[in-house]
N, C-alpha and C. Protein backbone atom coordinates (compact mmCIF):
# COMPACT_ATOMS: atom_id res chain seq x y z
N MET A 1 67.18 -22.95 -25.11
CA MET A 1 67.38 -21.87 -24.42
C MET A 1 66.33 -21.14 -24.27
N ILE A 2 65.42 -20.81 -22.91
CA ILE A 2 64.42 -20.16 -22.86
C ILE A 2 64.43 -18.86 -22.56
N ASN A 3 64.33 -17.58 -22.79
CA ASN A 3 64.85 -16.36 -22.46
C ASN A 3 64.11 -15.33 -22.45
N SER A 4 64.16 -14.63 -21.82
CA SER A 4 63.22 -13.14 -21.57
C SER A 4 63.81 -11.98 -21.13
N ALA A 5 63.87 -10.82 -21.19
CA ALA A 5 64.37 -9.52 -20.81
C ALA A 5 63.02 -8.79 -20.36
N ASN A 6 62.00 -8.93 -20.37
CA ASN A 6 60.71 -8.03 -20.21
C ASN A 6 60.08 -8.42 -18.83
N LEU A 7 60.46 -7.55 -18.31
CA LEU A 7 60.03 -7.92 -16.60
C LEU A 7 58.57 -7.66 -16.58
N THR A 8 57.83 -7.32 -17.16
CA THR A 8 56.27 -7.11 -17.57
C THR A 8 55.98 -8.69 -17.93
N SER A 9 56.77 -9.23 -18.63
CA SER A 9 56.24 -10.23 -19.54
C SER A 9 56.56 -11.52 -18.29
N LEU A 10 57.57 -11.37 -17.64
CA LEU A 10 58.20 -12.22 -16.82
C LEU A 10 57.11 -12.23 -15.69
N ARG A 11 56.77 -11.20 -15.32
CA ARG A 11 55.79 -11.35 -14.00
C ARG A 11 54.35 -12.02 -14.22
N ALA A 12 53.83 -11.50 -15.68
CA ALA A 12 52.56 -12.07 -16.00
C ALA A 12 52.99 -13.94 -16.36
N LEU A 13 54.09 -14.79 -16.79
CA LEU A 13 54.22 -15.86 -16.52
C LEU A 13 54.03 -16.49 -15.06
N PHE A 14 55.11 -15.55 -14.13
CA PHE A 14 55.49 -16.20 -12.89
C PHE A 14 53.91 -16.43 -11.95
N ARG A 15 52.93 -15.49 -12.42
CA ARG A 15 51.77 -15.32 -11.89
C ARG A 15 50.92 -16.84 -12.78
N SER A 16 50.96 -17.17 -13.66
CA SER A 16 50.33 -18.45 -14.15
C SER A 16 51.37 -18.94 -15.02
N PRO A 17 52.36 -19.93 -14.28
CA PRO A 17 52.85 -20.75 -15.49
C PRO A 17 52.91 -21.90 -16.17
N GLN A 18 51.57 -22.39 -15.53
CA GLN A 18 51.21 -24.16 -15.74
C GLN A 18 51.55 -23.97 -17.05
N ALA A 19 50.44 -23.54 -18.01
CA ALA A 19 50.39 -23.64 -19.61
C ALA A 19 51.97 -23.49 -20.36
N PHE A 20 52.53 -22.62 -19.63
CA PHE A 20 53.72 -21.93 -20.39
C PHE A 20 54.77 -23.53 -20.08
N ILE A 21 54.60 -24.17 -18.59
CA ILE A 21 55.56 -25.08 -18.59
C ILE A 21 55.31 -26.47 -19.26
N ALA A 22 53.98 -26.59 -19.22
CA ALA A 22 53.32 -27.95 -20.15
C ALA A 22 53.70 -27.60 -21.71
N ASP A 23 53.39 -26.56 -22.01
CA ASP A 23 53.93 -26.38 -23.63
C ASP A 23 55.47 -26.83 -23.57
N ALA A 24 56.12 -26.12 -22.64
CA ALA A 24 57.87 -26.11 -22.83
C ALA A 24 57.97 -27.91 -22.92
N MET A 25 57.48 -28.60 -21.85
CA MET A 25 57.90 -30.22 -21.61
C MET A 25 57.51 -30.75 -23.31
N ALA A 26 55.86 -30.47 -23.67
CA ALA A 26 55.86 -30.99 -24.65
C ALA A 26 56.39 -30.65 -26.10
N ALA A 27 57.04 -29.29 -26.02
CA ALA A 27 57.86 -29.25 -27.17
C ALA A 27 59.27 -29.93 -27.24
N ALA A 28 59.75 -30.17 -25.82
CA ALA A 28 61.15 -30.57 -25.50
C ALA A 28 61.11 -31.97 -26.06
N LYS A 29 60.20 -32.76 -25.63
CA LYS A 29 59.58 -34.07 -25.72
C LYS A 29 59.58 -34.55 -27.55
N SER A 30 59.01 -33.61 -28.14
CA SER A 30 58.70 -33.73 -29.49
C SER A 30 59.93 -33.49 -30.33
N ARG A 31 60.89 -32.82 -29.87
CA ARG A 31 62.15 -32.14 -30.92
C ARG A 31 63.21 -33.07 -29.95
N ARG A 32 63.20 -34.15 -29.17
CA ARG A 32 63.46 -35.01 -28.18
C ARG A 32 65.04 -33.78 -27.60
N HIS A 33 64.86 -33.19 -27.24
CA HIS A 33 65.65 -32.23 -26.48
C HIS A 33 65.88 -32.78 -25.06
N ASP A 34 67.28 -32.90 -24.51
CA ASP A 34 67.60 -33.10 -23.21
C ASP A 34 67.44 -32.46 -22.29
N GLY A 35 67.06 -30.86 -22.20
CA GLY A 35 67.11 -30.28 -21.25
C GLY A 35 67.07 -28.82 -21.54
N PHE A 36 67.08 -27.62 -20.92
CA PHE A 36 66.50 -26.20 -20.68
C PHE A 36 67.32 -25.66 -19.93
N ASN A 37 67.70 -24.41 -20.75
CA ASN A 37 68.82 -23.51 -20.35
C ASN A 37 67.88 -22.01 -19.98
N ILE A 38 67.12 -21.37 -18.72
CA ILE A 38 66.75 -20.75 -18.56
C ILE A 38 67.32 -19.36 -18.46
N ALA A 39 67.45 -18.79 -19.14
CA ALA A 39 68.36 -17.45 -19.24
C ALA A 39 66.98 -16.01 -19.16
N PHE A 40 66.52 -16.03 -17.83
CA PHE A 40 65.73 -14.41 -17.76
C PHE A 40 66.49 -13.68 -16.98
N GLU A 41 66.67 -12.60 -17.85
CA GLU A 41 67.87 -11.77 -17.31
C GLU A 41 66.89 -9.88 -17.20
N PRO A 42 66.16 -9.72 -16.67
CA PRO A 42 65.50 -8.53 -17.14
C PRO A 42 66.21 -7.52 -16.96
N THR A 43 66.18 -6.31 -17.87
CA THR A 43 67.05 -4.86 -17.50
C THR A 43 66.37 -3.95 -17.19
N GLN A 44 64.86 -4.26 -16.97
CA GLN A 44 64.34 -2.80 -16.87
C GLN A 44 64.30 -2.32 -15.55
N GLY A 45 64.66 -1.31 -15.26
CA GLY A 45 64.65 -0.32 -14.02
C GLY A 45 65.92 -1.01 -13.28
N ARG A 46 66.97 -1.74 -13.82
CA ARG A 46 68.02 -1.84 -12.97
C ARG A 46 69.27 -0.48 -13.11
N GLU A 47 69.87 -0.16 -12.40
CA GLU A 47 70.75 0.84 -12.51
C GLU A 47 71.60 0.80 -13.46
N GLY A 48 71.83 1.83 -14.79
CA GLY A 48 72.42 1.86 -15.54
C GLY A 48 71.83 1.14 -17.03
N SER A 49 70.03 1.16 -16.76
CA SER A 49 69.71 0.57 -18.01
C SER A 49 69.28 2.00 -18.69
N ALA A 50 68.91 1.65 -19.80
CA ALA A 50 68.79 3.03 -20.69
C ALA A 50 67.48 3.51 -20.52
N GLN A 51 67.46 4.61 -20.63
CA GLN A 51 65.99 5.59 -20.24
C GLN A 51 65.77 6.67 -21.41
N VAL A 52 64.49 6.59 -22.31
CA VAL A 52 64.56 7.53 -22.72
C VAL A 52 63.71 8.85 -22.48
N ALA A 53 63.98 10.14 -23.18
CA ALA A 53 63.89 11.32 -22.69
C ALA A 53 62.06 11.59 -22.59
N GLY A 54 61.62 11.74 -21.53
CA GLY A 54 59.84 11.67 -21.50
C GLY A 54 59.36 10.52 -21.40
N ALA A 55 59.69 9.45 -21.25
CA ALA A 55 59.15 8.38 -21.48
C ALA A 55 58.60 7.42 -20.31
N VAL A 56 57.78 6.84 -20.12
CA VAL A 56 57.30 6.22 -18.75
C VAL A 56 58.38 5.43 -18.39
N ALA A 57 58.48 5.45 -17.02
CA ALA A 57 59.94 4.79 -16.31
C ALA A 57 59.30 3.42 -16.30
N PRO A 58 60.24 2.21 -16.66
CA PRO A 58 60.08 0.69 -16.55
C PRO A 58 59.64 0.75 -15.14
N PRO A 59 59.02 -0.65 -14.98
CA PRO A 59 58.66 -1.44 -13.55
C PRO A 59 60.47 -1.50 -13.25
N ARG A 60 60.28 -1.36 -11.56
CA ARG A 60 61.41 -1.42 -11.70
C ARG A 60 61.49 -3.17 -10.28
N ILE A 61 62.69 -3.89 -10.96
CA ILE A 61 62.69 -5.00 -10.12
C ILE A 61 62.91 -4.79 -8.73
N THR A 62 62.16 -6.00 -7.68
CA THR A 62 61.80 -6.46 -6.53
C THR A 62 62.24 -7.30 -6.08
N ALA A 63 62.61 -7.32 -4.88
CA ALA A 63 62.54 -8.71 -4.23
C ALA A 63 61.46 -9.87 -3.81
N ASP A 64 60.23 -9.22 -4.20
CA ASP A 64 59.36 -10.17 -4.97
C ASP A 64 59.30 -11.20 -6.39
N ASP A 65 60.10 -10.03 -7.27
CA ASP A 65 60.31 -10.75 -8.33
C ASP A 65 61.27 -12.09 -8.64
N GLY A 66 62.56 -11.32 -7.78
CA GLY A 66 63.01 -12.69 -7.54
C GLY A 66 62.72 -13.70 -6.68
N GLU A 67 61.55 -13.87 -5.78
CA GLU A 67 61.17 -14.77 -4.83
C GLU A 67 59.85 -15.63 -5.94
N ALA A 68 59.36 -14.80 -6.78
CA ALA A 68 58.46 -15.48 -7.99
C ALA A 68 59.51 -16.06 -8.88
N PHE A 69 60.54 -15.62 -9.23
CA PHE A 69 61.71 -16.10 -10.10
C PHE A 69 61.86 -18.00 -9.48
N VAL A 70 62.17 -17.72 -8.49
CA VAL A 70 62.36 -19.22 -7.55
C VAL A 70 61.27 -20.13 -7.85
N ARG A 71 59.91 -19.21 -7.36
CA ARG A 71 58.55 -20.33 -7.19
C ARG A 71 58.77 -20.89 -8.77
N PHE A 72 58.78 -20.14 -9.78
CA PHE A 72 58.50 -20.82 -10.81
C PHE A 72 59.69 -21.82 -11.42
N LEU A 73 60.95 -21.31 -10.91
CA LEU A 73 62.26 -22.55 -11.02
C LEU A 73 61.74 -23.72 -10.36
N VAL A 74 60.92 -23.84 -9.13
CA VAL A 74 60.56 -24.89 -8.28
C VAL A 74 59.86 -25.71 -9.32
N LEU A 75 58.90 -25.17 -9.46
CA LEU A 75 57.60 -25.53 -10.78
C LEU A 75 58.36 -26.01 -11.75
N PHE A 76 59.03 -25.40 -12.38
CA PHE A 76 59.51 -25.91 -13.75
C PHE A 76 60.56 -27.07 -13.91
N THR A 77 61.55 -26.82 -12.55
CA THR A 77 62.38 -27.82 -12.79
C THR A 77 61.69 -29.20 -12.31
N GLU A 78 60.91 -29.22 -11.41
CA GLU A 78 60.01 -30.17 -11.14
C GLU A 78 59.20 -30.94 -12.21
N ALA A 79 58.99 -30.24 -13.03
CA ALA A 79 58.17 -31.09 -14.45
C ALA A 79 59.43 -31.43 -15.37
N ALA A 80 60.46 -30.88 -15.39
CA ALA A 80 61.50 -31.40 -16.07
C ALA A 80 62.19 -32.47 -15.47
N HIS A 81 62.19 -32.73 -14.77
CA HIS A 81 62.66 -33.65 -13.97
C HIS A 81 61.81 -35.04 -13.97
N GLN A 82 60.36 -34.88 -14.07
CA GLN A 82 59.79 -35.77 -14.34
C GLN A 82 59.52 -36.20 -15.33
N ASN A 83 59.95 -35.14 -16.79
CA ASN A 83 60.45 -35.84 -17.89
C ASN A 83 61.72 -36.40 -18.32
N LYS A 84 62.18 -36.38 -16.91
CA LYS A 84 63.92 -36.66 -17.64
C LYS A 84 64.64 -35.82 -18.51
N LEU A 85 64.23 -34.49 -18.17
CA LEU A 85 64.98 -33.57 -18.42
C LEU A 85 66.19 -32.56 -17.63
N THR A 86 66.79 -32.09 -17.95
CA THR A 86 67.77 -31.10 -17.23
C THR A 86 67.23 -29.94 -17.31
N VAL A 87 67.64 -29.11 -16.25
CA VAL A 87 67.68 -27.46 -15.93
C VAL A 87 68.84 -26.80 -15.69
N SER A 88 69.29 -25.78 -16.78
CA SER A 88 70.49 -24.98 -16.21
C SER A 88 69.73 -23.56 -15.85
N VAL A 89 70.58 -23.02 -15.64
CA VAL A 89 69.82 -21.81 -15.30
C VAL A 89 71.13 -20.48 -15.04
N ASN A 90 71.00 -19.51 -16.03
CA ASN A 90 72.18 -18.37 -15.92
C ASN A 90 71.97 -17.49 -14.77
N VAL A 91 73.37 -17.08 -14.02
CA VAL A 91 72.74 -16.10 -13.08
C VAL A 91 73.96 -15.10 -13.20
N ALA A 92 73.76 -14.01 -12.90
CA ALA A 92 74.46 -12.71 -13.07
C ALA A 92 74.53 -12.06 -11.77
N SER A 93 75.26 -10.97 -11.23
CA SER A 93 75.41 -10.52 -10.01
C SER A 93 75.24 -9.24 -10.09
N TRP A 94 74.87 -8.48 -11.51
CA TRP A 94 74.18 -7.33 -11.36
C TRP A 94 73.16 -6.90 -11.09
N GLN A 95 72.02 -8.02 -10.71
CA GLN A 95 70.97 -7.62 -10.08
C GLN A 95 70.54 -8.53 -8.92
N PRO A 96 71.27 -8.56 -7.69
CA PRO A 96 70.90 -9.10 -6.63
C PRO A 96 69.39 -9.49 -6.56
N LEU A 97 68.40 -8.86 -6.52
CA LEU A 97 67.15 -8.80 -6.27
C LEU A 97 66.55 -9.86 -7.04
N TRP A 98 67.12 -9.84 -8.22
CA TRP A 98 66.38 -10.80 -9.12
C TRP A 98 67.23 -12.49 -9.19
N TRP A 99 68.46 -12.35 -8.86
CA TRP A 99 69.17 -13.95 -8.91
C TRP A 99 69.59 -13.93 -7.13
N ASN A 100 68.58 -14.05 -6.51
CA ASN A 100 68.33 -14.34 -4.84
C ASN A 100 69.44 -15.47 -4.74
N ILE A 101 70.44 -15.83 -4.80
CA ILE A 101 71.40 -16.89 -4.67
C ILE A 101 71.12 -17.56 -3.66
N PRO A 102 70.37 -17.11 -2.64
CA PRO A 102 70.58 -18.11 -1.47
C PRO A 102 68.84 -18.95 -1.61
N LEU A 103 68.22 -18.33 -2.34
CA LEU A 103 66.53 -18.86 -2.58
C LEU A 103 67.34 -19.93 -3.56
N LEU A 104 67.94 -19.39 -4.53
CA LEU A 104 68.04 -20.11 -5.76
C LEU A 104 68.68 -21.45 -5.25
N LEU A 105 69.41 -21.65 -4.50
CA LEU A 105 70.12 -22.63 -3.83
C LEU A 105 69.36 -23.73 -3.46
N HIS A 106 67.71 -23.32 -3.07
CA HIS A 106 66.93 -23.87 -2.52
C HIS A 106 65.93 -24.57 -4.14
N THR A 107 66.49 -24.54 -4.69
CA THR A 107 65.77 -25.41 -6.17
C THR A 107 66.48 -26.54 -6.45
N ASP A 108 65.81 -27.41 -7.01
CA ASP A 108 66.50 -28.35 -8.13
C ASP A 108 67.21 -28.25 -9.20
N ALA A 109 67.40 -26.97 -9.69
CA ALA A 109 68.11 -26.81 -10.72
C ALA A 109 69.40 -27.81 -11.06
N ASP A 110 69.68 -28.22 -12.41
CA ASP A 110 70.65 -29.12 -12.25
C ASP A 110 71.90 -28.55 -12.24
N LYS A 111 72.18 -26.90 -12.75
CA LYS A 111 73.10 -26.16 -12.87
C LYS A 111 72.96 -24.80 -13.24
N PHE A 112 74.11 -24.19 -12.76
CA PHE A 112 74.00 -22.41 -12.49
C PHE A 112 74.99 -22.42 -13.21
N ILE A 113 74.63 -21.35 -14.14
CA ILE A 113 76.06 -20.74 -15.30
C ILE A 113 76.20 -19.29 -14.87
N THR A 114 77.18 -18.80 -14.36
CA THR A 114 77.18 -17.62 -14.29
C THR A 114 77.81 -16.88 -15.36
N VAL A 115 77.14 -15.65 -15.80
CA VAL A 115 76.95 -14.65 -17.00
C VAL A 115 77.42 -13.09 -16.45
N CYS A 116 78.10 -12.61 -17.39
CA CYS A 116 78.61 -11.21 -16.97
C CYS A 116 78.08 -9.87 -17.84
């Protein structure tokens, strides 16, 4: 499973995913994994997320973040399939800007898993 809830880190990953993807493919091969489960579930800036009094507000999830996630998934899934690996993706309804279902359906991910 590859997971993260830190929006700032995910944005950095999406800007330059090539090294991460190459490392993930190499790790899967060396460990004889058959695939990946992507569980990127950012909580920053979503309604109901905890805020600390006086703290700087966390970044807010935008439609651009959801589109960047899809672009990342396209690249990641392409690399995985070239390496004969599967890709499943956790999705949830609590953040429609992040899990843009119509766009996600244009990826070649092997499976989408609904989480609550």
